[in-house]
Amino acid sequence: MDVKRICVFCGSSTGHDPIFRESAARMGRLLAEQNIGLVYGGGQIGLMGVVADAVLEQGGEVVGVIPEALATKELLHTGVTEMHVVHDMHARKALMSQLADAFVALPGGFGTYEELLEVITWAQLGLQQKSIGLLNTAGFFSPLVDFFERAITAGFIKEKHRELFVVQETPAELLRAMSEHHPPTLTKWIDAEET
């Protein structure tokens, strides 16, 4: 995995358990130590702020992308290396994808799930072939992964699409797994057997 920047999707809250904050900070420090830049949603609050601050404290690069509607004094992180203020959420996701070589999801809410599922769908459709990782802190993503398995069993997701992402419990394990991950090459929207 030749990665210069990783796009991190994560919560604008820190969650109730301190382990979520600790894990996000470890991820940020590890990115900086491995000379991998952070691309993220541009906020200074929640896990977004935690991971960005951890990268910055280690002298790493942080690129924020935030929609105009959220670029308020309370939300926008003013200390990042580079900040892009874009028109809307669609432009935000497109630019984050363009700026990053891989994607990682940390715990979060609806926005995090939406961003994660969109990049998985892009990979499924062959629109991008970047590595995707889920940081399964304290088993946070286990119910979602179980749900994917249910969809595979029910015939709504193909078994081969399990390989579109990797799941690990610690930042070090996740980055290691992603470095060894080779996402399947999918160049057609519809497989031959489905036509």
N, C-alpha and C. Protein backbone atom coordinates (compact mmCIF):
# COMPACT_ATOMS: atom_id res chain seq x y z
N MET A 1 0.85 -1.18 0.00
CA MET A 1 0.00 0.00 0.00
C MET A 1 0.89 1.23 0.00
N ASP A 2 0.95 1.91 -1.15
CA ASP A 2 1.71 3.14 -1.26
C ASP A 2 0.82 4.30 -0.88
N VAL A 3 0.85 4.67 0.38
CA VAL A 3 -0.10 5.64 0.92
C VAL A 3 0.62 6.86 1.46
N LYS A 4 0.26 8.01 0.90
CA LYS A 4 0.79 9.27 1.40
C LYS A 4 -0.20 9.94 2.35
N ARG A 5 -1.51 9.73 2.08
CA ARG A 5 -2.56 10.30 2.93
C ARG A 5 -3.68 9.29 3.11
N ILE A 6 -4.23 9.25 4.32
CA ILE A 6 -5.39 8.42 4.62
C ILE A 6 -6.54 9.33 5.01
N CYS A 7 -7.69 9.08 4.42
CA CYS A 7 -8.92 9.79 4.79
C CYS A 7 -9.56 9.07 5.96
N VAL A 8 -9.77 9.76 7.05
CA VAL A 8 -10.39 9.18 8.24
C VAL A 8 -11.80 9.73 8.41
N PHE A 9 -12.78 8.82 8.47
CA PHE A 9 -14.15 9.17 8.80
C PHE A 9 -14.35 8.86 10.27
N CYS A 10 -14.92 9.80 11.03
CA CYS A 10 -15.14 9.54 12.45
C CYS A 10 -16.14 10.53 13.03
N GLY A 11 -16.49 10.31 14.28
CA GLY A 11 -17.55 11.06 14.92
C GLY A 11 -17.20 12.50 15.27
N SER A 12 -18.23 13.34 15.27
CA SER A 12 -18.09 14.70 15.77
C SER A 12 -18.37 14.74 17.28
N SER A 13 -18.53 13.56 17.87
CA SER A 13 -18.58 13.38 19.32
C SER A 13 -17.46 12.41 19.69
N THR A 14 -17.13 12.35 20.97
CA THR A 14 -16.07 11.42 21.39
C THR A 14 -16.63 10.13 21.95
N GLY A 15 -17.96 10.06 22.13
CA GLY A 15 -18.55 8.86 22.71
C GLY A 15 -18.41 8.87 24.22
N HIS A 16 -19.09 7.94 24.88
CA HIS A 16 -19.09 7.91 26.34
C HIS A 16 -17.86 7.22 26.93
N ASP A 17 -17.32 6.23 26.21
CA ASP A 17 -16.20 5.46 26.73
C ASP A 17 -14.89 6.13 26.33
N PRO A 18 -14.00 6.42 27.29
CA PRO A 18 -12.71 7.07 26.97
C PRO A 18 -11.86 6.29 25.98
N ILE A 19 -12.14 4.99 25.80
CA ILE A 19 -11.33 4.19 24.88
C ILE A 19 -11.44 4.69 23.45
N PHE A 20 -12.58 5.31 23.10
CA PHE A 20 -12.73 5.82 21.73
C PHE A 20 -11.79 7.00 21.49
N ARG A 21 -11.70 7.88 22.47
CA ARG A 21 -10.78 9.02 22.36
C ARG A 21 -9.33 8.53 22.33
N GLU A 22 -9.00 7.59 23.21
CA GLU A 22 -7.62 7.06 23.28
C GLU A 22 -7.22 6.40 21.98
N SER A 23 -8.12 5.62 21.39
CA SER A 23 -7.83 4.92 20.15
C SER A 23 -7.66 5.90 18.99
N ALA A 24 -8.50 6.93 18.94
CA ALA A 24 -8.38 7.96 17.89
C ALA A 24 -7.05 8.69 18.00
N ALA A 25 -6.64 9.00 19.22
CA ALA A 25 -5.35 9.68 19.43
C ALA A 25 -4.20 8.77 18.99
N ARG A 26 -4.29 7.47 19.31
CA ARG A 26 -3.25 6.53 18.88
C ARG A 26 -3.18 6.47 17.35
N MET A 27 -4.34 6.46 16.72
CA MET A 27 -4.35 6.45 15.25
C MET A 27 -3.66 7.68 14.70
N GLY A 28 -3.96 8.85 15.25
CA GLY A 28 -3.33 10.08 14.78
C GLY A 28 -1.82 10.06 14.96
N ARG A 29 -1.38 9.64 16.14
CA ARG A 29 0.07 9.57 16.38
C ARG A 29 0.75 8.61 15.43
N LEU A 30 0.10 7.47 15.20
CA LEU A 30 0.68 6.45 14.32
C LEU A 30 0.77 6.94 12.88
N LEU A 31 -0.25 7.64 12.41
CA LEU A 31 -0.18 8.21 11.07
C LEU A 31 1.02 9.13 10.93
N ALA A 32 1.19 10.02 11.90
CA ALA A 32 2.32 10.96 11.85
C ALA A 32 3.65 10.22 11.91
N GLU A 33 3.74 9.22 12.79
CA GLU A 33 4.99 8.45 12.91
C GLU A 33 5.35 7.74 11.61
N GLN A 34 4.33 7.32 10.87
CA GLN A 34 4.57 6.62 9.60
C GLN A 34 4.59 7.57 8.41
N ASN A 35 4.60 8.87 8.72
CA ASN A 35 4.67 9.92 7.69
C ASN A 35 3.50 9.82 6.70
N ILE A 36 2.33 9.50 7.24
CA ILE A 36 1.10 9.45 6.45
C ILE A 36 0.24 10.65 6.84
N GLY A 37 -0.13 11.45 5.86
CA GLY A 37 -0.96 12.61 6.12
C GLY A 37 -2.40 12.21 6.40
N LEU A 38 -3.09 13.06 7.14
CA LEU A 38 -4.50 12.85 7.47
C LEU A 38 -5.36 13.75 6.61
N VAL A 39 -6.38 13.17 5.98
CA VAL A 39 -7.45 13.91 5.33
C VAL A 39 -8.70 13.61 6.14
N TYR A 40 -9.43 14.65 6.53
CA TYR A 40 -10.60 14.40 7.39
C TYR A 40 -11.60 15.54 7.23
N GLY A 41 -12.69 15.49 7.99
CA GLY A 41 -13.81 16.41 7.82
C GLY A 41 -13.63 17.83 8.31
N GLY A 42 -12.46 18.18 8.81
CA GLY A 42 -12.14 19.57 9.10
C GLY A 42 -12.59 20.12 10.44
N GLY A 43 -13.20 19.29 11.29
CA GLY A 43 -13.71 19.78 12.56
C GLY A 43 -12.69 19.74 13.67
N GLN A 44 -12.96 20.55 14.71
CA GLN A 44 -12.10 20.55 15.89
C GLN A 44 -12.76 19.83 17.07
N ILE A 45 -13.97 19.32 16.84
CA ILE A 45 -14.72 18.68 17.93
C ILE A 45 -14.75 17.16 17.73
N GLY A 46 -15.08 16.45 18.80
CA GLY A 46 -15.26 15.01 18.74
C GLY A 46 -13.99 14.27 18.37
N LEU A 47 -14.18 13.04 17.86
CA LEU A 47 -13.02 12.24 17.46
C LEU A 47 -12.29 12.89 16.30
N MET A 48 -13.01 13.70 15.50
CA MET A 48 -12.35 14.42 14.42
C MET A 48 -11.24 15.30 14.97
N GLY A 49 -11.56 16.08 16.00
CA GLY A 49 -10.57 16.95 16.62
C GLY A 49 -9.46 16.17 17.29
N VAL A 50 -9.81 15.06 17.93
CA VAL A 50 -8.81 14.24 18.64
C VAL A 50 -7.76 13.70 17.67
N VAL A 51 -8.22 13.10 16.57
CA VAL A 51 -7.27 12.50 15.63
C VAL A 51 -6.43 13.59 14.95
N ALA A 52 -7.06 14.71 14.58
CA ALA A 52 -6.32 15.81 13.94
C ALA A 52 -5.27 16.38 14.89
N ASP A 53 -5.65 16.63 16.14
CA ASP A 53 -4.70 17.18 17.12
C ASP A 53 -3.53 16.23 17.36
N ALA A 54 -3.80 14.92 17.39
CA ALA A 54 -2.74 13.95 17.62
C ALA A 54 -1.73 13.95 16.48
N VAL A 55 -2.22 14.07 15.25
CA VAL A 55 -1.31 14.15 14.09
C VAL A 55 -0.49 15.42 14.17
N LEU A 56 -1.15 16.55 14.45
CA LEU A 56 -0.46 17.83 14.51
C LEU A 56 0.59 17.87 15.62
N GLU A 57 0.27 17.28 16.78
CA GLU A 57 1.21 17.27 17.91
C GLU A 57 2.50 16.52 17.57
N GLN A 58 2.40 15.58 16.62
CA GLN A 58 3.58 14.82 16.20
C GLN A 58 4.23 15.42 14.96
N GLY A 59 3.77 16.59 14.55
CA GLY A 59 4.35 17.28 13.40
C GLY A 59 3.89 16.76 12.06
N GLY A 60 2.76 16.05 12.03
CA GLY A 60 2.25 15.49 10.79
C GLY A 60 1.37 16.46 10.01
N GLU A 61 1.02 16.04 8.80
CA GLU A 61 0.19 16.84 7.91
C GLU A 61 -1.29 16.53 8.14
N VAL A 62 -2.10 17.58 8.23
CA VAL A 62 -3.55 17.43 8.39
C VAL A 62 -4.25 18.31 7.37
N VAL A 63 -5.07 17.68 6.52
CA VAL A 63 -5.84 18.39 5.51
C VAL A 63 -7.32 18.24 5.86
N GLY A 64 -7.97 19.37 6.12
CA GLY A 64 -9.39 19.36 6.45
C GLY A 64 -10.23 19.74 5.25
N VAL A 65 -11.42 19.13 5.17
CA VAL A 65 -12.38 19.48 4.11
C VAL A 65 -13.73 19.64 4.79
N ILE A 66 -14.27 20.84 4.76
CA ILE A 66 -15.50 21.12 5.50
C ILE A 66 -16.48 21.91 4.63
N PRO A 67 -17.76 21.58 4.70
CA PRO A 67 -18.76 22.36 3.93
C PRO A 67 -18.96 23.75 4.54
N GLU A 68 -19.35 24.68 3.71
CA GLU A 68 -19.58 26.06 4.17
C GLU A 68 -20.52 26.11 5.37
N ALA A 69 -21.56 25.31 5.35
CA ALA A 69 -22.57 25.36 6.41
C ALA A 69 -22.02 24.95 7.77
N LEU A 70 -20.93 24.18 7.77
CA LEU A 70 -20.34 23.73 9.04
C LEU A 70 -19.08 24.51 9.41
N ALA A 71 -18.65 25.41 8.54
CA ALA A 71 -17.39 26.13 8.77
C ALA A 71 -17.58 27.30 9.72
N THR A 72 -18.13 27.02 10.90
CA THR A 72 -18.33 28.04 11.92
C THR A 72 -17.13 28.06 12.86
N LYS A 73 -17.05 29.11 13.65
CA LYS A 73 -15.95 29.25 14.60
C LYS A 73 -15.91 28.08 15.57
N GLU A 74 -17.09 27.55 15.91
CA GLU A 74 -17.16 26.47 16.89
C GLU A 74 -16.69 25.13 16.31
N LEU A 75 -16.85 24.95 15.01
CA LEU A 75 -16.59 23.64 14.41
C LEU A 75 -15.27 23.54 13.67
N LEU A 76 -14.93 24.55 12.87
CA LEU A 76 -13.75 24.48 12.00
C LEU A 76 -12.45 24.49 12.79
N HIS A 77 -11.56 23.57 12.46
CA HIS A 77 -10.25 23.48 13.12
C HIS A 77 -9.32 24.48 12.46
N THR A 78 -8.87 25.47 13.22
CA THR A 78 -8.04 26.53 12.65
C THR A 78 -6.55 26.20 12.63
N GLY A 79 -6.16 25.08 13.22
CA GLY A 79 -4.73 24.79 13.32
C GLY A 79 -4.20 23.77 12.34
N VAL A 80 -5.01 23.37 11.36
CA VAL A 80 -4.58 22.31 10.45
C VAL A 80 -3.60 22.84 9.41
N THR A 81 -2.92 21.93 8.74
CA THR A 81 -1.94 22.29 7.71
C THR A 81 -2.60 22.98 6.54
N GLU A 82 -3.76 22.46 6.15
CA GLU A 82 -4.46 22.95 4.97
C GLU A 82 -5.96 22.74 5.17
N MET A 83 -6.76 23.75 4.85
CA MET A 83 -8.21 23.63 5.00
C MET A 83 -8.89 23.99 3.69
N HIS A 84 -9.82 23.13 3.28
CA HIS A 84 -10.65 23.39 2.09
C HIS A 84 -12.09 23.58 2.57
N VAL A 85 -12.66 24.73 2.26
CA VAL A 85 -14.08 24.97 2.55
C VAL A 85 -14.81 24.80 1.23
N VAL A 86 -15.73 23.82 1.20
CA VAL A 86 -16.43 23.47 -0.04
C VAL A 86 -17.92 23.79 0.07
N HIS A 87 -18.61 23.67 -1.05
CA HIS A 87 -20.01 24.10 -1.12
C HIS A 87 -20.95 23.24 -0.28
N ASP A 88 -20.78 21.91 -0.36
CA ASP A 88 -21.74 21.05 0.34
C ASP A 88 -21.10 19.70 0.68
N MET A 89 -21.90 18.81 1.27
CA MET A 89 -21.39 17.51 1.71
C MET A 89 -20.93 16.65 0.55
N HIS A 90 -21.59 16.75 -0.59
CA HIS A 90 -21.19 15.96 -1.75
C HIS A 90 -19.80 16.38 -2.22
N ALA A 91 -19.57 17.68 -2.28
CA ALA A 91 -18.25 18.18 -2.68
C ALA A 91 -17.20 17.78 -1.66
N ARG A 92 -17.57 17.77 -0.40
CA ARG A 92 -16.65 17.38 0.67
C ARG A 92 -16.17 15.95 0.45
N LYS A 93 -17.11 15.02 0.25
CA LYS A 93 -16.73 13.62 0.09
C LYS A 93 -15.91 13.40 -1.17
N ALA A 94 -16.27 14.08 -2.25
CA ALA A 94 -15.52 13.93 -3.50
C ALA A 94 -14.08 14.41 -3.34
N LEU A 95 -13.90 15.55 -2.67
CA LEU A 95 -12.54 16.08 -2.51
C LEU A 95 -11.74 15.23 -1.54
N MET A 96 -12.35 14.77 -0.45
CA MET A 96 -11.62 13.91 0.48
C MET A 96 -11.13 12.65 -0.23
N SER A 97 -11.98 12.08 -1.07
CA SER A 97 -11.60 10.88 -1.82
C SER A 97 -10.45 11.18 -2.77
N GLN A 98 -10.52 12.33 -3.42
CA GLN A 98 -9.48 12.71 -4.37
C GLN A 98 -8.13 12.92 -3.67
N LEU A 99 -8.16 13.46 -2.47
CA LEU A 99 -6.93 13.80 -1.76
C LEU A 99 -6.27 12.62 -1.05
N ALA A 100 -7.03 11.52 -0.87
CA ALA A 100 -6.53 10.40 -0.06
C ALA A 100 -6.21 9.18 -0.90
N ASP A 101 -5.33 8.32 -0.36
CA ASP A 101 -4.94 7.08 -1.02
C ASP A 101 -5.61 5.86 -0.39
N ALA A 102 -6.26 6.06 0.75
CA ALA A 102 -6.94 4.97 1.46
C ALA A 102 -7.94 5.60 2.43
N PHE A 103 -8.81 4.75 3.00
CA PHE A 103 -9.86 5.23 3.90
C PHE A 103 -9.88 4.40 5.18
N VAL A 104 -10.11 5.09 6.30
CA VAL A 104 -10.28 4.41 7.59
C VAL A 104 -11.50 5.00 8.27
N ALA A 105 -12.33 4.12 8.82
CA ALA A 105 -13.48 4.56 9.62
C ALA A 105 -13.20 4.28 11.08
N LEU A 106 -13.31 5.31 11.90
CA LEU A 106 -13.29 5.20 13.35
C LEU A 106 -14.74 5.25 13.83
N PRO A 107 -15.01 4.95 15.08
CA PRO A 107 -16.39 5.04 15.57
C PRO A 107 -17.00 6.41 15.31
N GLY A 108 -18.29 6.41 15.05
CA GLY A 108 -19.00 7.64 14.76
C GLY A 108 -20.48 7.36 14.59
N GLY A 109 -21.19 8.35 14.08
CA GLY A 109 -22.63 8.24 13.92
C GLY A 109 -23.05 8.12 12.47
N PHE A 110 -24.22 8.65 12.14
CA PHE A 110 -24.79 8.48 10.81
C PHE A 110 -23.85 8.96 9.71
N GLY A 111 -23.21 10.11 9.90
CA GLY A 111 -22.32 10.64 8.87
C GLY A 111 -21.15 9.71 8.60
N THR A 112 -20.59 9.13 9.66
CA THR A 112 -19.48 8.19 9.50
C THR A 112 -19.92 6.97 8.72
N TYR A 113 -21.10 6.41 9.06
CA TYR A 113 -21.59 5.23 8.35
C TYR A 113 -21.83 5.55 6.88
N GLU A 114 -22.42 6.72 6.64
CA GLU A 114 -22.75 7.11 5.27
C GLU A 114 -21.48 7.23 4.43
N GLU A 115 -20.45 7.87 4.99
CA GLU A 115 -19.19 8.04 4.26
C GLU A 115 -18.53 6.68 4.01
N LEU A 116 -18.51 5.85 5.05
CA LEU A 116 -17.90 4.52 4.92
C LEU A 116 -18.62 3.69 3.86
N LEU A 117 -19.94 3.63 3.94
CA LEU A 117 -20.69 2.80 3.00
C LEU A 117 -20.58 3.32 1.57
N GLU A 118 -20.43 4.62 1.42
CA GLU A 118 -20.27 5.16 0.08
C GLU A 118 -18.96 4.70 -0.54
N VAL A 119 -17.84 4.76 0.21
CA VAL A 119 -16.57 4.35 -0.39
C VAL A 119 -16.53 2.84 -0.61
N ILE A 120 -17.21 2.06 0.25
CA ILE A 120 -17.31 0.61 0.00
C ILE A 120 -18.10 0.37 -1.28
N THR A 121 -19.18 1.12 -1.47
CA THR A 121 -19.98 0.98 -2.69
C THR A 121 -19.17 1.38 -3.92
N TRP A 122 -18.41 2.46 -3.83
CA TRP A 122 -17.55 2.86 -4.94
C TRP A 122 -16.59 1.73 -5.30
N ALA A 123 -16.02 1.07 -4.27
CA ALA A 123 -15.11 -0.05 -4.52
C ALA A 123 -15.86 -1.21 -5.17
N GLN A 124 -17.05 -1.50 -4.68
CA GLN A 124 -17.86 -2.60 -5.23
C GLN A 124 -18.16 -2.37 -6.71
N LEU A 125 -18.40 -1.12 -7.07
CA LEU A 125 -18.73 -0.78 -8.45
C LEU A 125 -17.50 -0.58 -9.33
N GLY A 126 -16.30 -0.70 -8.74
CA GLY A 126 -15.08 -0.52 -9.50
C GLY A 126 -14.74 0.93 -9.77
N LEU A 127 -15.35 1.85 -9.00
CA LEU A 127 -15.08 3.27 -9.20
C LEU A 127 -13.83 3.73 -8.46
N GLN A 128 -13.38 2.96 -7.48
CA GLN A 128 -12.11 3.23 -6.81
C GLN A 128 -11.55 1.91 -6.28
N GLN A 129 -10.23 1.83 -6.18
CA GLN A 129 -9.58 0.61 -5.70
C GLN A 129 -8.63 0.92 -4.55
N LYS A 130 -9.06 1.82 -3.68
CA LYS A 130 -8.26 2.20 -2.54
C LYS A 130 -8.62 1.31 -1.35
N SER A 131 -7.64 1.04 -0.52
CA SER A 131 -7.87 0.20 0.65
C SER A 131 -8.80 0.90 1.64
N ILE A 132 -9.65 0.10 2.28
CA ILE A 132 -10.63 0.61 3.25
C ILE A 132 -10.47 -0.20 4.54
N GLY A 133 -10.38 0.49 5.67
CA GLY A 133 -10.24 -0.19 6.95
C GLY A 133 -11.23 0.31 7.98
N LEU A 134 -11.70 -0.59 8.82
CA LEU A 134 -12.58 -0.25 9.94
C LEU A 134 -11.80 -0.46 11.23
N LEU A 135 -11.65 0.59 12.04
CA LEU A 135 -10.99 0.46 13.34
C LEU A 135 -12.06 0.05 14.35
N ASN A 136 -12.04 -1.22 14.69
CA ASN A 136 -13.11 -1.82 15.49
C ASN A 136 -12.83 -1.68 16.99
N THR A 137 -12.68 -0.45 17.43
CA THR A 137 -12.39 -0.15 18.83
C THR A 137 -13.49 -0.70 19.73
N ALA A 138 -13.10 -1.53 20.71
CA ALA A 138 -14.05 -2.11 21.67
C ALA A 138 -15.22 -2.80 20.97
N GLY A 139 -14.97 -3.36 19.79
CA GLY A 139 -16.01 -4.08 19.06
C GLY A 139 -17.08 -3.20 18.46
N PHE A 140 -16.78 -1.89 18.31
CA PHE A 140 -17.80 -0.94 17.87
C PHE A 140 -18.45 -1.34 16.54
N PHE A 141 -17.64 -1.78 15.57
CA PHE A 141 -18.17 -2.09 14.25
C PHE A 141 -18.63 -3.54 14.10
N SER A 142 -18.48 -4.35 15.13
CA SER A 142 -18.86 -5.77 15.01
C SER A 142 -20.31 -5.97 14.58
N PRO A 143 -21.29 -5.23 15.15
CA PRO A 143 -22.67 -5.42 14.68
C PRO A 143 -22.84 -5.07 13.19
N LEU A 144 -22.11 -4.07 12.71
CA LEU A 144 -22.20 -3.70 11.29
C LEU A 144 -21.61 -4.81 10.42
N VAL A 145 -20.47 -5.35 10.83
CA VAL A 145 -19.85 -6.44 10.08
C VAL A 145 -20.77 -7.66 10.09
N ASP A 146 -21.41 -7.93 11.23
CA ASP A 146 -22.38 -9.03 11.31
C ASP A 146 -23.55 -8.79 10.36
N PHE A 147 -23.97 -7.54 10.27
CA PHE A 147 -25.06 -7.20 9.35
C PHE A 147 -24.65 -7.46 7.90
N PHE A 148 -23.41 -7.10 7.55
CA PHE A 148 -22.90 -7.40 6.20
C PHE A 148 -22.94 -8.90 5.94
N GLU A 149 -22.54 -9.69 6.96
CA GLU A 149 -22.56 -11.15 6.82
C GLU A 149 -23.98 -11.64 6.58
N ARG A 150 -24.94 -11.04 7.27
CA ARG A 150 -26.34 -11.42 7.08
C ARG A 150 -26.78 -11.12 5.65
N ALA A 151 -26.35 -9.97 5.13
CA ALA A 151 -26.70 -9.60 3.76
C ALA A 151 -26.05 -10.55 2.76
N ILE A 152 -24.84 -11.04 3.06
CA ILE A 152 -24.19 -12.03 2.19
C ILE A 152 -25.00 -13.33 2.22
N THR A 153 -25.32 -13.78 3.43
CA THR A 153 -26.10 -15.02 3.57
C THR A 153 -27.44 -14.92 2.87
N ALA A 154 -28.05 -13.76 2.91
CA ALA A 154 -29.37 -13.56 2.29
C ALA A 154 -29.28 -13.33 0.78
N GLY A 155 -28.07 -13.22 0.25
CA GLY A 155 -27.90 -13.08 -1.19
C GLY A 155 -27.93 -11.66 -1.72
N PHE A 156 -27.75 -10.67 -0.85
CA PHE A 156 -27.76 -9.28 -1.30
C PHE A 156 -26.36 -8.70 -1.51
N ILE A 157 -25.37 -9.34 -0.93
CA ILE A 157 -23.96 -8.94 -1.14
C ILE A 157 -23.21 -10.20 -1.54
N LYS A 158 -22.36 -10.09 -2.53
CA LYS A 158 -21.57 -11.25 -2.98
C LYS A 158 -20.46 -11.55 -1.97
N GLU A 159 -20.14 -12.82 -1.83
CA GLU A 159 -19.10 -13.22 -0.87
C GLU A 159 -17.76 -12.55 -1.17
N LYS A 160 -17.44 -12.40 -2.44
CA LYS A 160 -16.15 -11.79 -2.80
C LYS A 160 -16.05 -10.34 -2.32
N HIS A 161 -17.19 -9.70 -2.07
CA HIS A 161 -17.15 -8.31 -1.64
C HIS A 161 -16.79 -8.15 -0.17
N ARG A 162 -16.66 -9.28 0.54
CA ARG A 162 -16.07 -9.25 1.88
C ARG A 162 -14.66 -8.67 1.84
N GLU A 163 -14.00 -8.86 0.70
CA GLU A 163 -12.60 -8.45 0.55
C GLU A 163 -12.44 -6.96 0.25
N LEU A 164 -13.53 -6.22 0.22
CA LEU A 164 -13.44 -4.79 -0.09
C LEU A 164 -12.88 -3.97 1.06
N PHE A 165 -12.86 -4.53 2.27
CA PHE A 165 -12.37 -3.79 3.44
C PHE A 165 -11.76 -4.75 4.44
N VAL A 166 -10.99 -4.19 5.36
CA VAL A 166 -10.39 -4.98 6.44
C VAL A 166 -10.86 -4.41 7.77
N VAL A 167 -10.86 -5.25 8.79
CA VAL A 167 -11.32 -4.85 10.12
C VAL A 167 -10.28 -5.29 11.15
N GLN A 168 -9.84 -4.38 12.00
CA GLN A 168 -8.91 -4.70 13.08
C GLN A 168 -9.25 -3.86 14.30
N GLU A 169 -8.76 -4.29 15.47
CA GLU A 169 -9.15 -3.64 16.73
C GLU A 169 -8.22 -2.52 17.17
N THR A 170 -6.98 -2.49 16.69
CA THR A 170 -6.06 -1.42 17.10
C THR A 170 -5.54 -0.70 15.86
N PRO A 171 -5.12 0.56 16.03
CA PRO A 171 -4.57 1.29 14.88
C PRO A 171 -3.37 0.59 14.24
N ALA A 172 -2.47 0.06 15.05
CA ALA A 172 -1.28 -0.60 14.49
C ALA A 172 -1.68 -1.82 13.67
N GLU A 173 -2.59 -2.64 14.22
CA GLU A 173 -3.04 -3.83 13.49
C GLU A 173 -3.76 -3.44 12.21
N LEU A 174 -4.56 -2.37 12.27
CA LEU A 174 -5.32 -1.96 11.10
C LEU A 174 -4.40 -1.47 9.99
N LEU A 175 -3.44 -0.61 10.31
CA LEU A 175 -2.54 -0.10 9.28
C LEU A 175 -1.69 -1.23 8.70
N ARG A 176 -1.30 -2.18 9.54
CA ARG A 176 -0.54 -3.33 9.04
C ARG A 176 -1.40 -4.16 8.08
N ALA A 177 -2.64 -4.43 8.47
CA ALA A 177 -3.54 -5.21 7.61
C ALA A 177 -3.81 -4.48 6.30
N MET A 178 -3.97 -3.16 6.37
CA MET A 178 -4.22 -2.39 5.16
C MET A 178 -3.00 -2.39 4.24
N SER A 179 -1.80 -2.41 4.82
CA SER A 179 -0.59 -2.43 3.99
C SER A 179 -0.47 -3.74 3.22
N GLU A 180 -1.11 -4.80 3.72
CA GLU A 180 -1.07 -6.10 3.07
C GLU A 180 -2.34 -6.37 2.26
N HIS A 181 -3.29 -5.44 2.31
CA HIS A 181 -4.59 -5.62 1.67
C HIS A 181 -4.52 -5.32 0.18
N HIS A 182 -5.06 -6.21 -0.61
CA HIS A 182 -5.16 -5.99 -2.05
C HIS A 182 -6.63 -6.05 -2.43
N PRO A 183 -7.29 -4.89 -2.49
CA PRO A 183 -8.72 -4.89 -2.82
C PRO A 183 -8.95 -5.57 -4.16
N PRO A 184 -10.05 -6.30 -4.30
CA PRO A 184 -10.33 -6.95 -5.58
C PRO A 184 -10.48 -5.92 -6.69
N THR A 185 -10.02 -6.29 -7.87
CA THR A 185 -10.15 -5.41 -9.02
C THR A 185 -11.52 -5.66 -9.65
N LEU A 186 -12.37 -4.68 -9.53
CA LEU A 186 -13.73 -4.79 -10.07
C LEU A 186 -13.91 -3.68 -11.09
N THR A 187 -14.03 -4.06 -12.35
CA THR A 187 -14.07 -3.05 -13.40
C THR A 187 -15.44 -2.92 -14.05
N LYS A 188 -16.37 -3.80 -13.69
CA LYS A 188 -17.71 -3.72 -14.27
C LYS A 188 -18.73 -3.47 -13.17
N TRP A 189 -19.73 -2.70 -13.48
CA TRP A 189 -20.79 -2.44 -12.51
C TRP A 189 -21.60 -3.70 -12.25
N ILE A 190 -21.78 -4.51 -13.30
CA ILE A 190 -22.57 -5.73 -13.17
C ILE A 190 -21.73 -6.90 -13.64
N ASP A 191 -21.58 -7.92 -12.82
CA ASP A 191 -20.81 -9.10 -13.19
C ASP A 191 -21.50 -9.85 -14.31
N ALA A 192 -20.71 -10.59 -15.07
CA ALA A 192 -21.25 -11.33 -16.21
C ALA A 192 -22.35 -12.29 -15.82
N GLU A 193 -22.17 -12.95 -14.63
CA GLU A 193 -23.18 -13.93 -14.23
C GLU A 193 -24.52 -13.29 -13.84
N GLU A 194 -24.50 -11.94 -13.69
CA GLU A 194 -25.75 -11.26 -13.31
C GLU A 194 -26.52 -10.75 -14.53
N THR A 195 -25.91 -10.83 -15.72
CA THR A 195 -26.59 -10.29 -16.91
C THR A 195 -27.45 -11.35 -17.56
